[in-house]
Amino acid sequence: MKGVVAAADAGAMTDEEAARLGEEFGVVVGAVDEEIQKELKLQQPQGVAVFEVIGNSRADYAGIKVRSVIKEIDKHEIRTMIDFGQAIKRAMKECNFTVGTYEPADPGDPVGWGVNFHFVGCKRD
């Protein structure tokens, strides 16, 4: 019966639910559209852009930054808000997981964007 529950869960995921789960994790996110793609100089409009990091959240403790793009959660590729919602929902049930992001380099860094992996540990009280 587990497969039936998983299918029902997957079918219920919406962009709004994904955004709510993002806030529960500690980020305000949105789909990468063409405008964000141009601003962040991405090759494709994929992933989920981080607009805000909520202080003292799991995302904050993991070092996720504003203007980064979430591309992966626990080895699951993130292309859309639905991908993000499903992956973060699964991951937050675990104690530890990783989030892969593209991040803008520091202003003095000539190399530009880099991929970072953030370790997300257990919730801190």
Protein backbone atom coordinates (compact mmCIF):
# COMPACT_ATOMS: atom_id res chain seq x y z
CA MET A 1 0.00 0.00 0.00
CA LYS A 2 2.99 2.35 0.40
CA GLY A 3 3.11 2.97 -3.38
CA VAL A 4 -0.49 4.24 -3.33
CA VAL A 5 0.27 6.74 -0.57
CA ALA A 6 3.42 7.95 -2.37
CA ALA A 7 1.44 8.43 -5.60
CA ALA A 8 -1.22 10.42 -3.74
CA ASP A 9 1.49 12.57 -2.12
CA ALA A 10 3.21 13.20 -5.45
CA GLY A 11 -0.05 14.15 -7.12
CA ALA A 12 -0.89 16.65 -4.39
CA MET A 13 2.33 18.71 -4.74
CA THR A 14 1.74 22.20 -6.10
CA ASP A 15 3.98 25.26 -6.49
CA GLU A 16 2.18 26.77 -3.48
CA GLU A 17 2.77 23.67 -1.33
CA ALA A 18 6.43 23.61 -2.45
CA ALA A 19 6.78 27.27 -1.42
CA ARG A 20 5.22 26.52 1.97
CA LEU A 21 7.60 23.59 2.52
CA GLY A 22 10.49 25.85 1.53
CA GLU A 23 9.48 28.32 4.23
CA GLU A 24 9.23 25.46 6.73
CA PHE A 25 12.83 24.58 5.77
CA GLY A 26 13.84 28.24 6.02
CA VAL A 27 13.86 29.70 2.51
CA VAL A 28 11.55 31.83 0.42
CA VAL A 29 11.92 30.40 -3.09
CA GLY A 30 10.54 30.68 -6.60
CA ALA A 31 10.99 28.99 -9.94
CA VAL A 32 13.90 30.19 -12.04
CA ASP A 33 12.27 32.05 -14.93
CA GLU A 34 13.95 33.74 -17.90
CA GLU A 35 14.44 37.01 -15.99
CA ILE A 36 16.21 35.25 -13.10
CA GLN A 37 18.14 33.13 -15.62
CA LYS A 38 19.52 36.32 -17.26
CA GLU A 39 20.25 38.08 -13.97
CA LEU A 40 22.12 35.09 -12.55
CA LYS A 41 23.66 34.16 -15.94
CA LEU A 42 22.40 30.58 -15.86
CA GLN A 43 22.59 28.34 -18.92
CA GLN A 44 18.99 27.17 -18.53
CA PRO A 45 15.93 28.40 -16.59
CA GLN A 46 15.99 25.47 -14.17
CA GLY A 47 16.19 25.10 -10.44
CA VAL A 48 14.67 27.07 -7.62
CA ALA A 49 15.92 30.56 -6.75
CA VAL A 50 16.37 31.57 -3.10
CA PHE A 51 14.88 35.03 -2.50
CA GLU A 52 15.18 35.04 1.28
CA VAL A 53 16.75 32.91 4.02
CA ILE A 54 14.84 32.86 7.30
CA GLY A 55 17.12 33.42 10.30
CA ASN A 56 17.80 30.54 12.71
CA SER A 57 16.24 28.02 10.30
CA ARG A 58 17.74 24.75 9.06
CA ALA A 59 18.54 26.52 5.76
CA ASP A 60 20.28 29.36 7.63
CA TYR A 61 22.38 26.94 9.72
CA ALA A 62 23.33 25.08 6.53
CA GLY A 63 24.70 28.30 5.02
CA ILE A 64 22.28 28.63 2.11
CA LYS A 65 22.51 32.13 0.64
CA VAL A 66 20.08 34.57 -0.95
CA ARG A 67 20.43 34.66 -4.78
CA SER A 68 21.62 31.05 -4.87
CA VAL A 69 19.80 28.49 -7.01
CA ILE A 70 18.90 25.12 -5.49
CA LYS A 71 19.79 22.47 -8.06
CA GLU A 72 19.82 19.31 -5.96
CA ILE A 73 18.46 17.94 -2.69
CA ASP A 74 19.90 14.68 -1.41
CA LYS A 75 21.05 13.68 -4.92
CA HIS A 76 17.60 14.44 -6.45
CA GLU A 77 17.89 16.95 -9.31
CA ILE A 78 15.75 20.07 -8.87
CA ARG A 79 14.40 21.57 -12.10
CA THR A 80 11.00 22.90 -10.96
CA MET A 81 9.13 24.01 -7.85
CA ILE A 82 7.35 20.61 -7.86
CA ASP A 83 10.74 18.80 -7.84
CA PHE A 84 11.81 21.06 -4.98
CA GLY A 85 8.63 20.45 -2.99
CA GLN A 86 8.77 16.68 -3.34
CA ALA A 87 12.50 16.52 -2.51
CA ILE A 88 12.40 18.91 0.47
CA LYS A 89 9.34 17.11 1.87
CA ARG A 90 11.25 13.79 1.76
CA ALA A 91 14.49 15.31 3.02
CA MET A 92 12.98 17.13 6.00
CA LYS A 93 11.79 13.78 7.37
CA GLU A 94 15.47 12.81 7.63
CA CYS A 95 17.86 14.10 10.24
CA ASN A 96 20.67 14.89 7.80
CA PHE A 97 20.65 15.73 4.09
CA THR A 98 22.51 17.82 1.55
CA VAL A 99 21.39 20.71 -0.64
CA GLY A 100 23.37 21.53 -3.79
CA THR A 101 23.28 25.17 -4.92
CA TYR A 102 24.77 27.39 -7.60
CA GLU A 103 25.91 30.57 -5.91
CA PRO A 104 27.22 33.89 -7.12
CA ALA A 105 30.87 34.37 -6.30
CA ASP A 106 32.12 37.03 -3.95
CA PRO A 107 32.50 40.38 -5.77
CA GLY A 108 36.32 40.11 -5.89
CA ASP A 109 36.31 36.54 -7.24
CA PRO A 110 37.16 36.42 -10.97
CA VAL A 111 35.98 32.83 -11.37
CA GLY A 112 32.27 33.60 -10.95
CA TRP A 113 29.62 31.07 -10.02
CA GLY A 114 30.32 27.94 -8.09
CA VAL A 115 28.48 24.85 -6.98
CA ASN A 116 28.23 24.41 -3.24
CA PHE A 117 26.91 21.54 -1.18
CA HIS A 118 25.31 22.42 2.13
CA PHE A 119 25.00 19.88 4.90
CA VAL A 120 21.68 20.18 6.71
CA GLY A 121 21.80 18.69 10.18
CA CYS A 122 19.12 17.89 12.70
CA LYS A 123 16.84 20.66 13.91
CA ARG A 124 18.31 22.72 16.73
CA ASP A 125 16.06 23.76 19.57
